Protein backbone atom coordinates (compact mmCIF):
# COMPACT_ATOMS: atom_id res chain seq x y z
CA MET A 1 -110.09 2.68 -12.95
CA GLN A 2 -109.79 3.58 -9.30
CA GLU A 3 -108.83 0.00 -8.47
CA ARG A 4 -106.16 0.05 -11.17
CA PHE A 5 -104.78 3.27 -9.80
CA ARG A 6 -104.68 1.73 -6.32
CA LEU A 7 -102.80 -1.30 -7.62
CA LEU A 8 -100.28 0.88 -9.44
CA GLU A 9 -99.78 2.93 -6.30
CA GLU A 10 -99.16 -0.21 -4.26
CA GLN A 11 -96.68 -1.45 -6.84
CA TYR A 12 -94.93 1.90 -6.86
CA ARG A 13 -94.73 1.98 -3.06
CA SER A 14 -93.50 -1.61 -2.98
CA VAL A 15 -90.68 -0.69 -5.38
CA VAL A 16 -89.81 2.47 -3.45
CA ASP A 17 -89.85 0.63 -0.12
CA SER A 18 -87.51 -2.06 -1.43
CA LEU A 19 -84.87 0.35 -2.72
CA LYS A 20 -81.56 0.54 -0.86
CA GLU A 21 -81.36 4.23 -1.64
CA VAL A 22 -83.30 6.80 0.32
CA ILE A 23 -86.09 8.43 -1.68
CA PHE A 24 -87.11 11.73 -0.16
CA THR A 25 -89.17 14.87 -0.65
CA THR A 26 -89.18 18.14 1.30
CA ASP A 27 -91.35 21.20 1.38
CA ALA A 28 -90.20 24.71 0.48
CA ALA A 29 -88.84 25.15 4.03
CA PHE A 30 -86.76 22.01 3.52
CA ASN A 31 -88.60 19.91 6.07
CA TRP A 32 -88.92 16.20 5.34
CA THR A 33 -92.26 15.28 3.75
CA PHE A 34 -91.46 11.78 2.50
CA LEU A 35 -88.82 9.12 3.25
CA ASN A 36 -88.78 5.47 2.27
CA PRO A 37 -87.70 2.68 4.70
CA ALA A 38 -84.09 2.86 3.44
CA TRP A 39 -83.79 6.00 5.61
CA THR A 40 -84.18 3.94 8.75
CA GLU A 41 -81.82 1.23 7.50
CA ILE A 42 -79.09 3.79 6.80
CA THR A 43 -79.46 6.31 9.64
CA GLY A 44 -81.33 4.34 12.33
CA PHE A 45 -83.94 7.09 12.68
CA SER A 46 -87.56 6.03 12.13
CA VAL A 47 -89.47 7.62 9.28
CA PRO A 48 -92.43 8.84 11.41
CA GLU A 49 -90.22 10.68 13.91
CA THR A 50 -88.23 12.28 11.07
CA LEU A 51 -91.05 13.58 8.86
CA GLY A 52 -91.86 17.23 9.38
CA LYS A 53 -88.44 18.04 10.82
CA PRO A 54 -85.78 20.18 9.07
CA VAL A 55 -83.28 18.39 6.88
CA LEU A 56 -80.49 20.46 8.50
CA ASN A 57 -81.11 18.73 11.86
CA TYR A 58 -79.84 15.45 10.41
CA ILE A 59 -76.69 16.76 8.77
CA HIS A 60 -73.34 16.50 10.58
CA PRO A 61 -72.64 19.83 12.35
CA GLU A 62 -69.33 20.25 10.53
CA ASP A 63 -71.07 19.85 7.13
CA ARG A 64 -74.16 22.01 7.69
CA GLN A 65 -72.60 25.18 6.31
CA ARG A 66 -71.58 23.34 3.17
CA HIS A 67 -75.14 21.97 2.83
CA ILE A 68 -76.52 25.50 3.10
CA GLU A 69 -74.03 26.72 0.48
CA GLU A 70 -74.97 23.92 -1.92
CA PHE A 71 -78.70 24.67 -1.58
CA SER A 72 -78.15 28.42 -1.78
CA SER A 73 -76.18 27.95 -4.97
CA LEU A 74 -78.91 25.68 -6.34
CA ILE A 75 -81.68 28.18 -5.58
CA ALA A 76 -79.71 31.23 -6.73
CA ALA A 77 -78.82 29.66 -10.03
CA LYS A 78 -82.35 28.44 -10.49
CA LYS A 79 -80.94 25.04 -11.39
CA ILE A 80 -83.20 22.14 -10.81
CA TYR A 81 -80.48 19.58 -9.98
CA CYS A 82 -77.53 19.31 -7.60
CA ARG A 83 -75.17 16.49 -6.54
CA TYR A 84 -72.76 16.46 -3.59
CA GLU A 85 -71.36 14.21 -0.86
CA ILE A 86 -71.99 15.00 2.79
CA ARG A 87 -72.20 13.39 6.22
CA TYR A 88 -75.60 12.65 7.75
CA LEU A 89 -76.06 11.83 11.40
CA ALA A 90 -76.73 8.20 12.28
CA GLN A 91 -78.36 6.99 15.47
CA THR A 92 -75.81 4.27 16.29
CA SER A 93 -72.67 4.86 14.23
CA GLY A 94 -72.27 8.62 14.61
CA PHE A 95 -72.57 9.51 10.95
CA ARG A 96 -72.84 8.07 7.47
CA TRP A 97 -71.48 9.44 4.24
CA LEU A 98 -74.30 9.98 1.75
CA GLU A 99 -74.24 10.97 -1.88
CA VAL A 100 -77.09 13.49 -2.35
CA HIS A 101 -78.95 13.85 -5.65
CA VAL A 102 -81.54 16.61 -5.25
CA HIS A 103 -84.01 18.28 -7.62
CA LEU A 104 -86.03 21.42 -7.02
CA THR A 105 -89.80 21.09 -7.42
CA PHE A 106 -92.01 23.98 -8.50
CA THR A 107 -95.66 25.05 -8.32
CA ARG A 108 -97.65 25.71 -11.45
CA GLU A 109 -96.78 29.36 -10.90
CA GLY A 110 -93.06 28.51 -11.01
CA LYS A 111 -92.34 29.01 -7.38
CA ILE A 112 -90.14 26.53 -5.49
CA SER A 113 -92.39 24.08 -3.74
CA GLY A 114 -89.66 21.89 -2.27
CA THR A 115 -87.16 19.24 -3.29
CA THR A 116 -87.04 15.61 -4.20
CA GLY A 117 -84.14 13.28 -4.61
CA THR A 118 -82.14 10.34 -3.39
CA LEU A 119 -79.57 9.64 -0.68
CA HIS A 120 -77.04 6.94 -1.56
CA ASP A 121 -74.95 5.43 1.28
CA ILE A 122 -71.28 5.73 0.23
CA THR A 123 -69.76 5.27 3.69
CA SER A 124 -67.85 2.13 2.69
CA GLN A 125 -66.38 3.82 -0.37
CA LYS A 126 -65.51 6.92 1.64
CA LEU A 127 -63.82 4.91 4.37
CA ALA A 128 -61.94 2.94 1.74
CA GLN A 129 -60.91 6.16 0.03
CA GLU A 130 -59.84 7.64 3.35
CA ALA A 131 -57.82 4.53 4.19
CA LEU A 132 -56.27 4.64 0.73
CA TYR A 133 -55.52 8.33 1.12
CA GLN A 134 -53.93 7.76 4.53
CA SER A 135 -51.95 4.85 3.17
CA GLU A 136 -50.79 6.93 0.22
CA SER A 137 -49.98 9.79 2.58
CA ARG A 138 -47.92 7.48 4.76
CA LEU A 139 -46.15 6.06 1.74
CA ARG A 140 -45.56 9.56 0.42
CA GLY A 141 -44.25 10.51 3.86
CA TYR A 142 -41.93 7.53 3.88
CA PHE A 143 -40.82 8.42 0.36
CA GLU A 144 -40.22 12.09 1.07
CA ASN A 145 -38.81 11.78 4.58
CA SER A 146 -36.64 8.73 4.00
CA LEU A 147 -33.00 9.07 4.97
CA VAL A 148 -32.01 7.12 1.84
CA GLY A 149 -32.46 8.14 -1.77
CA ILE A 150 -35.49 6.67 -3.56
CA VAL A 151 -36.26 6.95 -7.26
CA ILE A 152 -38.87 5.49 -9.62
CA ILE A 153 -37.51 4.78 -13.08
CA THR A 154 -39.22 3.88 -16.36
CA PRO A 155 -37.91 1.06 -18.56
CA ASP A 156 -36.31 3.70 -20.82
CA ARG A 157 -34.35 4.92 -17.74
CA ARG A 158 -36.26 8.16 -17.24
CA LEU A 159 -36.79 9.30 -13.66
CA VAL A 160 -40.48 9.65 -12.79
CA GLU A 161 -40.21 10.35 -9.06
CA VAL A 162 -37.26 11.27 -6.86
CA ASN A 163 -37.22 12.09 -3.16
CA GLU A 164 -35.47 14.88 -1.30
CA ALA A 165 -32.76 12.58 0.06
CA LEU A 166 -31.65 11.69 -3.47
CA CYS A 167 -31.63 15.37 -4.47
CA ASN A 168 -29.42 16.15 -1.50
CA LEU A 169 -27.19 13.18 -2.23
CA LEU A 170 -26.56 14.18 -5.85
CA GLY A 171 -26.82 17.95 -5.51
CA TYR A 172 -29.58 18.34 -8.14
CA SER A 173 -33.12 19.73 -7.86
CA ARG A 174 -36.08 17.43 -8.56
CA THR A 175 -36.65 19.13 -11.90
CA GLU A 176 -33.03 18.67 -12.92
CA LEU A 177 -33.04 14.99 -11.95
CA THR A 178 -36.32 14.14 -13.68
CA GLN A 179 -35.01 15.71 -16.87
CA LYS A 180 -31.97 13.44 -16.84
CA ASN A 181 -31.43 9.86 -17.90
CA TRP A 182 -30.46 7.38 -15.17
CA THR A 183 -27.14 6.70 -16.88
CA GLU A 184 -26.10 10.36 -17.06
CA TRP A 185 -25.04 10.53 -13.42
CA THR A 186 -23.75 6.97 -13.12
CA HIS A 187 -19.96 6.69 -12.89
CA PRO A 188 -18.67 5.54 -16.32
CA GLU A 189 -16.72 2.64 -14.79
CA ASP A 190 -19.88 1.27 -13.12
CA LEU A 191 -22.23 1.67 -16.07
CA GLN A 192 -21.58 -1.64 -17.81
CA ALA A 193 -22.23 -3.77 -14.71
CA GLU A 194 -25.58 -2.07 -14.15
CA LEU A 195 -26.61 -2.29 -17.81
CA GLU A 196 -26.04 -6.04 -17.66
CA GLU A 197 -28.36 -6.28 -14.63
CA LEU A 198 -31.03 -4.18 -16.38
CA ILE A 199 -30.85 -6.41 -19.45
CA ARG A 200 -31.54 -9.44 -17.23
CA ILE A 201 -34.56 -7.67 -15.70
CA PHE A 202 -36.05 -6.70 -19.08
CA ALA A 203 -35.45 -10.25 -20.32
CA GLY A 204 -37.45 -11.59 -17.36
CA GLU A 205 -34.43 -13.38 -15.92
CA SER A 206 -34.35 -11.27 -12.76
CA ASP A 207 -36.62 -9.04 -10.70
CA GLY A 208 -33.90 -6.95 -9.10
CA TYR A 209 -30.32 -6.54 -8.10
CA VAL A 210 -28.05 -5.00 -5.46
CA LEU A 211 -24.87 -3.23 -6.49
CA ASP A 212 -22.17 -1.08 -4.96
CA LYS A 213 -21.87 1.74 -7.46
CA ARG A 214 -20.68 5.30 -7.82
CA PHE A 215 -22.63 8.37 -8.92
CA ILE A 216 -21.33 11.73 -10.12
CA ARG A 217 -22.69 14.70 -8.15
CA GLN A 218 -23.49 18.03 -9.75
CA ASP A 219 -20.21 19.38 -8.29
CA SER A 220 -18.35 16.48 -10.02
CA GLN A 221 -17.63 14.76 -6.71
CA VAL A 222 -17.90 10.96 -6.66
CA VAL A 223 -20.55 9.50 -4.34
CA TYR A 224 -20.14 5.89 -3.20
CA THR A 225 -23.47 4.08 -2.76
CA ARG A 226 -25.18 0.72 -2.45
CA ILE A 227 -28.21 0.55 -4.71
CA SER A 228 -31.09 -1.94 -4.43
CA VAL A 229 -33.36 -2.11 -7.49
CA ARG A 230 -36.69 -3.95 -7.79
CA CYS A 231 -38.84 -4.38 -10.88
CA ILE A 232 -42.63 -3.84 -10.74
CA ARG A 233 -44.21 -5.81 -13.57
CA ARG A 234 -47.55 -5.56 -15.37
CA GLU A 235 -49.94 -8.51 -15.60
CA ASP A 236 -48.33 -9.56 -18.87
CA GLY A 237 -44.92 -9.72 -17.17
CA ALA A 238 -43.50 -6.64 -18.86
CA CYS A 239 -41.59 -4.15 -16.71
CA ASP A 240 -43.84 -1.27 -15.69
CA HIS A 241 -41.27 0.63 -13.64
CA LEU A 242 -38.25 0.19 -11.39
CA ILE A 243 -37.92 1.27 -7.78
CA ALA A 244 -34.38 2.00 -6.64
CA VAL A 245 -33.27 2.62 -3.05
CA ILE A 246 -29.86 4.28 -2.79
CA LEU A 247 -27.81 4.19 0.41
CA ASP A 248 -24.96 6.69 0.75
CA LEU A 249 -21.77 4.79 1.62
CA SER A 250 -19.41 7.74 1.16
CA ASP A 251 -18.58 7.97 4.86
CA ARG A 252 -18.03 4.23 5.07
CA HIS A 253 -15.87 4.34 1.94
CA ARG A 254 -13.84 7.17 3.45
CA TYR A 255 -13.41 5.22 6.69
CA GLU A 256 -12.43 2.12 4.71
CA GLN A 257 -9.83 4.13 2.79
CA GLN A 258 -8.52 5.56 6.05
CA LEU A 259 -8.42 2.04 7.50
CA LYS A 260 -6.54 0.76 4.45
CA ALA A 261 -4.09 3.65 4.73
CA SER A 262 -3.70 2.92 8.44
CA GLU A 263 -3.15 -0.78 7.74
CA ALA A 264 -0.63 0.06 5.02
CA PHE A 265 1.16 2.39 7.43
CA LEU A 266 1.17 -0.29 10.14
CA ASN A 267 2.42 -2.91 7.68
CA ALA A 268 5.16 -0.54 6.53
CA ILE A 269 6.24 -0.06 10.14
CA ILE A 270 6.25 -3.73 11.14
CA ASN A 271 7.92 -4.70 7.86
CA ALA A 272 10.66 -2.17 8.58
CA VAL A 273 11.38 -3.97 11.86
CA PRO A 274 14.17 -6.51 11.25
CA GLU A 275 12.86 -8.89 13.90
CA PRO A 276 9.94 -11.24 13.11
CA ILE A 277 6.56 -10.02 14.43
CA PHE A 278 3.22 -11.86 14.43
CA VAL A 279 -0.33 -11.67 15.78
CA LYS A 280 -2.34 -14.85 16.51
CA ASP A 281 -5.98 -15.41 17.44
CA GLN A 282 -7.18 -17.79 20.15
CA HIS A 283 -7.17 -20.63 17.59
CA HIS A 284 -3.41 -20.05 17.11
CA ARG A 285 -3.97 -18.77 13.56
CA TRP A 286 -1.71 -16.05 12.21
CA LEU A 287 -3.66 -12.83 11.62
CA ILE A 288 -0.80 -10.40 11.04
CA LEU A 289 2.87 -11.02 10.35
CA ASN A 290 5.77 -9.09 8.90
CA ASP A 291 8.28 -9.79 6.15
CA ALA A 292 10.92 -10.83 8.66
CA LEU A 293 8.76 -13.72 9.90
CA CYS A 294 8.10 -14.85 6.32
CA LYS A 295 11.84 -14.78 5.67
CA LEU A 296 12.59 -16.71 8.87
CA MET A 297 10.10 -19.45 8.02
CA GLY A 298 10.82 -19.43 4.30
CA ARG A 299 7.11 -19.01 3.51
CA SER A 300 5.01 -16.34 1.80
CA ARG A 301 2.50 -14.21 3.70
CA GLU A 302 -0.32 -15.76 1.67
CA GLU A 303 0.75 -19.24 2.80
CA LEU A 304 0.87 -18.32 6.48
CA ILE A 305 -2.15 -16.05 7.06
CA GLY A 306 -5.05 -18.00 8.58
CA ARG A 307 -2.88 -21.08 9.21
CA SER A 308 -1.14 -22.34 12.36
CA ASP A 309 2.22 -23.75 13.49
CA TYR A 310 1.15 -27.37 12.91
CA ASP A 311 0.68 -26.65 9.19
CA PHE A 312 4.39 -25.87 8.69
CA LEU A 313 6.54 -26.96 11.64
CA PRO A 314 7.52 -30.31 13.15
CA LYS A 315 5.01 -31.47 15.76
CA ALA A 316 7.51 -31.24 18.61
CA GLU A 317 8.14 -27.55 17.84
CA ALA A 318 4.46 -26.76 17.28
CA ASP A 319 3.59 -28.44 20.60
CA ILE A 320 5.91 -26.05 22.44
CA PHE A 321 4.63 -22.97 20.58
CA TRP A 322 1.00 -23.82 21.39
CA GLU A 323 1.83 -24.63 25.00
CA LYS A 324 3.41 -21.17 25.46
CA ASP A 325 0.52 -19.52 23.54
CA ASN A 326 -2.02 -21.12 25.86
CA LEU A 327 -0.01 -20.07 28.91
CA VAL A 328 -0.23 -16.40 27.88
CA PHE A 329 -3.94 -16.68 26.96
CA ALA A 330 -4.70 -18.29 30.33
CA THR A 331 -2.60 -16.07 32.61
CA GLU A 332 -2.62 -12.84 30.55
CA ILE A 333 1.03 -12.46 31.60
CA ALA A 334 3.78 -11.83 29.05
CA HIS A 335 6.14 -14.77 28.56
CA GLU A 336 9.55 -15.20 26.92
CA ASN A 337 11.03 -18.54 25.91
CA GLU A 338 13.93 -20.00 23.95
CA GLU A 339 12.98 -22.67 21.44
CA THR A 340 13.86 -24.02 18.02
CA LEU A 341 12.19 -23.37 14.68
CA THR A 342 12.77 -25.39 11.52
CA ASP A 343 12.32 -23.36 8.33
CA SER A 344 11.02 -24.60 4.98
CA SER A 345 14.56 -25.59 3.91
CA GLY A 346 15.10 -27.71 7.01
CA ASN A 347 17.45 -25.28 8.73
CA VAL A 348 17.03 -25.22 12.51
CA HIS A 349 17.01 -21.78 14.14
CA ILE A 350 17.40 -21.09 17.84
CA ILE A 351 14.93 -18.34 18.67
CA SER A 352 13.82 -16.28 21.65
CA THR A 353 10.08 -15.56 21.49
CA LYS A 354 8.29 -12.97 23.62
CA LYS A 355 4.49 -13.15 23.68
CA THR A 356 2.00 -10.67 25.18
CA LEU A 357 -1.80 -10.58 25.28
CA LEU A 358 -4.03 -7.87 23.81
CA THR A 359 -7.78 -7.72 24.49
CA ASN A 360 -9.80 -6.05 21.71
CA PRO A 361 -12.75 -3.70 22.40
CA ASP A 362 -15.14 -6.52 21.45
CA GLY A 363 -13.63 -8.76 24.13
CA SER A 364 -11.71 -11.04 21.76
CA LYS A 365 -8.10 -11.76 22.64
CA VAL A 366 -5.05 -11.91 20.40
CA LEU A 367 -1.45 -12.82 20.99
CA ILE A 368 1.31 -10.43 19.90
CA GLY A 369 4.70 -12.05 19.47
CA THR A 370 8.23 -10.94 18.61
CA ILE A 371 11.07 -13.29 17.72
CA ARG A 372 14.83 -12.86 17.95
CA ASP A 373 16.87 -15.32 15.93
CA ILE A 374 19.70 -16.03 18.36
CA THR A 375 21.23 -18.88 16.37
CA ASN A 376 24.43 -16.98 15.54
CA SER A 377 24.80 -15.46 18.99
CA LYS A 378 24.30 -18.89 20.54
CA ARG A 379 26.95 -20.37 18.27
CA LEU A 380 29.29 -17.45 18.97
CA LEU A 381 28.70 -17.92 22.69
CA GLU A 382 29.49 -21.61 22.39
CA ALA A 383 32.62 -20.79 20.39
CA LEU A 384 33.56 -18.16 22.95
CA CYS A 385 33.12 -20.64 25.78
CA ILE A 386 35.32 -23.15 23.96
CA SER A 387 37.89 -20.46 23.25
CA GLU A 388 37.79 -19.26 26.84
CA GLU A 389 38.18 -22.79 28.09
CA ARG A 390 41.21 -23.24 25.83
CA PHE A 391 42.61 -19.93 27.06
CA ARG A 392 42.14 -20.92 30.68
CA SER A 393 43.77 -24.28 29.98
CA LEU A 394 46.68 -22.54 28.30
CA VAL A 395 47.02 -19.99 31.09
CA SER A 396 46.88 -22.66 33.76
CA ASN A 397 49.86 -24.41 32.15
CA ILE A 398 52.03 -21.30 31.99
CA PRO A 399 54.58 -21.22 34.90
CA GLY A 400 53.59 -17.68 35.73
CA ALA A 401 50.61 -15.40 36.38
CA VAL A 402 48.99 -13.92 33.25
CA TYR A 403 47.50 -10.48 33.76
CA ARG A 404 45.67 -7.60 32.11
CA CYS A 405 45.60 -4.31 33.98
CA GLN A 406 44.72 -0.70 33.40
CA GLY A 407 47.50 1.81 32.67
CA SER A 408 46.73 3.63 35.91
CA ALA A 409 49.24 4.27 38.69
CA ASP A 410 47.89 1.41 40.82
CA TRP A 411 47.65 -1.10 37.92
CA THR A 412 43.99 -1.95 38.52
CA MET A 413 43.70 -5.58 37.47
CA GLU A 414 41.03 -6.61 34.95
CA PHE A 415 42.27 -10.21 34.65
CA LEU A 416 44.76 -12.16 36.72
CA SER A 417 45.30 -15.90 36.59
CA ASP A 418 45.17 -18.09 39.69
CA GLU A 419 48.96 -18.68 39.56
CA ILE A 420 49.37 -15.33 41.33
CA GLU A 421 48.31 -16.91 44.62
CA ARG A 422 51.31 -19.29 44.48
CA ILE A 423 53.59 -16.35 43.73
CA CYS A 424 52.43 -13.82 46.33
CA GLY A 425 50.09 -15.71 48.63
CA TYR A 426 47.03 -13.58 47.79
CA PRO A 427 44.16 -14.92 45.63
CA ALA A 428 43.58 -13.30 42.23
CA SER A 429 40.16 -12.04 43.35
CA ASP A 430 41.84 -9.68 45.86
CA PHE A 431 43.41 -7.69 43.01
CA LEU A 432 40.54 -7.65 40.46
CA GLY A 433 39.17 -4.12 40.46
CA ASN A 434 41.36 -3.51 43.53
CA GLU A 435 38.75 -5.40 45.53
CA GLU A 436 41.05 -5.96 48.57
CA ARG A 437 44.33 -4.41 47.47
CA SER A 438 46.09 -3.07 44.41
CA PHE A 439 49.02 -4.94 42.91
CA THR A 440 51.29 -1.92 43.33
CA SER A 441 50.63 -2.08 47.09
CA ILE A 442 52.75 -5.26 47.40
CA ILE A 443 55.73 -3.93 45.36
CA HIS A 444 58.79 -3.14 47.45
CA PRO A 445 59.05 0.66 47.96
CA GLU A 446 62.68 0.65 46.79
CA ASP A 447 61.64 -0.73 43.37
CA ALA A 448 58.30 1.02 42.80
CA PRO A 449 59.58 4.35 41.33
CA ARG A 450 61.97 2.59 38.95
CA ILE A 451 59.29 0.19 37.75
CA GLN A 452 56.77 2.97 37.08
CA GLN A 453 59.38 4.93 35.12
CA GLU A 454 60.53 2.00 33.00
CA ILE A 455 56.96 1.02 32.13
CA LEU A 456 56.10 4.62 31.24
CA VAL A 457 59.11 4.85 28.88
CA ALA A 458 58.20 1.54 27.19
CA VAL A 459 54.55 2.53 26.76
CA ARG A 460 55.47 5.87 25.21
CA ALA A 461 57.81 4.08 22.81
CA LYS A 462 55.15 1.40 22.25
CA GLU A 463 57.73 -1.24 23.02
CA PRO A 464 57.56 -4.32 25.27
CA PHE A 465 59.10 -4.13 28.73
CA SER A 466 60.91 -6.64 30.98
CA LEU A 467 61.41 -5.87 34.68
CA GLU A 468 62.74 -7.54 37.81
CA TYR A 469 61.69 -6.32 41.24
CA GLN A 470 60.77 -7.37 44.76
CA ILE A 471 57.28 -7.88 46.25
CA PHE A 472 55.95 -8.67 49.72
CA HIS A 473 54.47 -12.17 50.11
CA ALA A 474 51.34 -12.62 52.18
CA ASN A 475 53.46 -14.44 54.80
CA GLY A 476 55.71 -11.39 55.18
CA SER A 477 58.63 -12.71 53.14
CA ILE A 478 60.11 -10.97 50.11
CA ARG A 479 59.86 -12.55 46.65
CA TRP A 480 61.55 -11.61 43.39
CA ILE A 481 59.33 -11.12 40.31
CA HIS A 482 60.19 -11.03 36.63
CA GLN A 483 57.46 -9.09 34.81
CA LYS A 484 57.18 -9.14 31.03
CA GLY A 485 54.50 -7.13 29.23
CA ARG A 486 53.50 -4.55 26.66
CA GLY A 487 50.93 -1.83 26.14
CA ILE A 488 47.71 -2.53 24.17
CA PHE A 489 46.53 0.53 22.26
CA LYS A 490 43.24 1.75 20.78
CA ASP A 491 42.87 2.65 17.11
CA ASP A 492 43.44 6.30 17.98
CA GLY A 493 46.76 5.45 19.70
CA ASP A 494 45.58 5.88 23.28
CA LEU A 495 46.62 3.23 25.81
CA LEU A 496 43.88 0.68 26.43
CA CYS A 497 45.59 -1.66 28.94
CA LEU A 498 48.75 -3.57 29.82
CA ASP A 499 49.03 -7.30 29.07
CA GLY A 500 51.76 -9.54 30.37
CA VAL A 501 52.98 -12.31 32.64
CA LEU A 502 54.59 -12.44 36.13
CA PHE A 503 57.22 -15.07 36.98
CA ASP A 504 58.55 -15.98 40.43
CA ILE A 505 62.40 -15.81 40.14
CA SER A 506 63.13 -15.93 43.86
CA ASP A 507 65.05 -19.23 43.61
CA ARG A 508 67.24 -17.92 40.83
CA LYS A 509 67.98 -14.71 42.73
CA GLN A 510 68.98 -16.69 45.81
CA ALA A 511 71.27 -18.87 43.71
CA GLU A 512 72.91 -15.79 42.30
């Protein structure tokens, strides 16, 4: 019998010693009275050095008060069992988390004789829980402190979670938002596009989408956003929930509208300018142009934007345009040039193009050009030159000096043909603008008063005049002049000038 008891005891001890959990007993003063080898494996303290010492010595200092409270509660309630989690000191790792299962033991008289129980090492679970908690806390922090709106939505479009940024964006409280359906604050015009995307997600054809969409705030204002939605699926592939991240684009939309208004204003201004205007990049492509340029080239704005001269003009013309473009890009000095431009109908225009360089804030360079179509003025100038040449030819064949002078007392000459030099010996240039002398200065003093009076009478009557008088030749001799002329008047009747011709009649006068 004794041998059997010994064998059972050995078997019992073998089982206890092999357990991974600590088996312990204490006395009524809560000093260790028994510990199995698992104690050493978990804490690093040997069993012999631990036995007889207070349990409290091995509990983490920060947890000792809680340990006392747990035991006090156990004793006061006269309960025989208690379970709690607490940190025990460990020789090498600082501490270990242990799950304590403890029973009170009693004497036959019912007095507390001590405790017995187990210590289960839950450090790994605790660390995992702590890591999970920290991860969840970080994620919650990201969720709550994000600068963009975040919302978790169920497949039936109910809002499960919303963050503060979304509340601020839409002007609702969390409670108000979570009581609403996702579609209630979506702009009606954007609802169909999003419903189509959701249908694709629920059909398994897509796991998310990105949309620019509008929401309606509580104050009825429209909020412009970009929303990115991702589907979180269950193992069977069904949609568990949707996560939506909402970026407020209201400021950008406002800036874009202001930019569009500014561009429209700029276009209105340049289109009001009658002269062609254009802007080119460094690849000679048209970036901006006005209606006048389209009209000049006979092309639409859509045809020209993004294209270059070689796409529409003869090579010889395009070569010149690019050469002058490159000159301005290289020197950064404004340049003006006359050239020809053939429009879509084959008409050749003579143009004067001025090009200047503009450097953008990003360092890129563009060419700003203005064009004057000088075709008509060139043709008029040519016609004027031909007409003037004919006039000069005609004047040179008249046997007298043709003149135009002011109606002033000294007859300031504005035009005088070269024949005058043969008549009086002085070149015409001497009299123009009274450069060297006035014409009246060579009239004989005896005739001057009469001539002035007769011309004055004729001008007042707006009739032609015909005069004969004497002048002093450059060689000192006296010559006779026959002057025919008339006044030229403005629309208001005021005298503009005197036009006429001077003939040398000295030979006739001598014959008489």
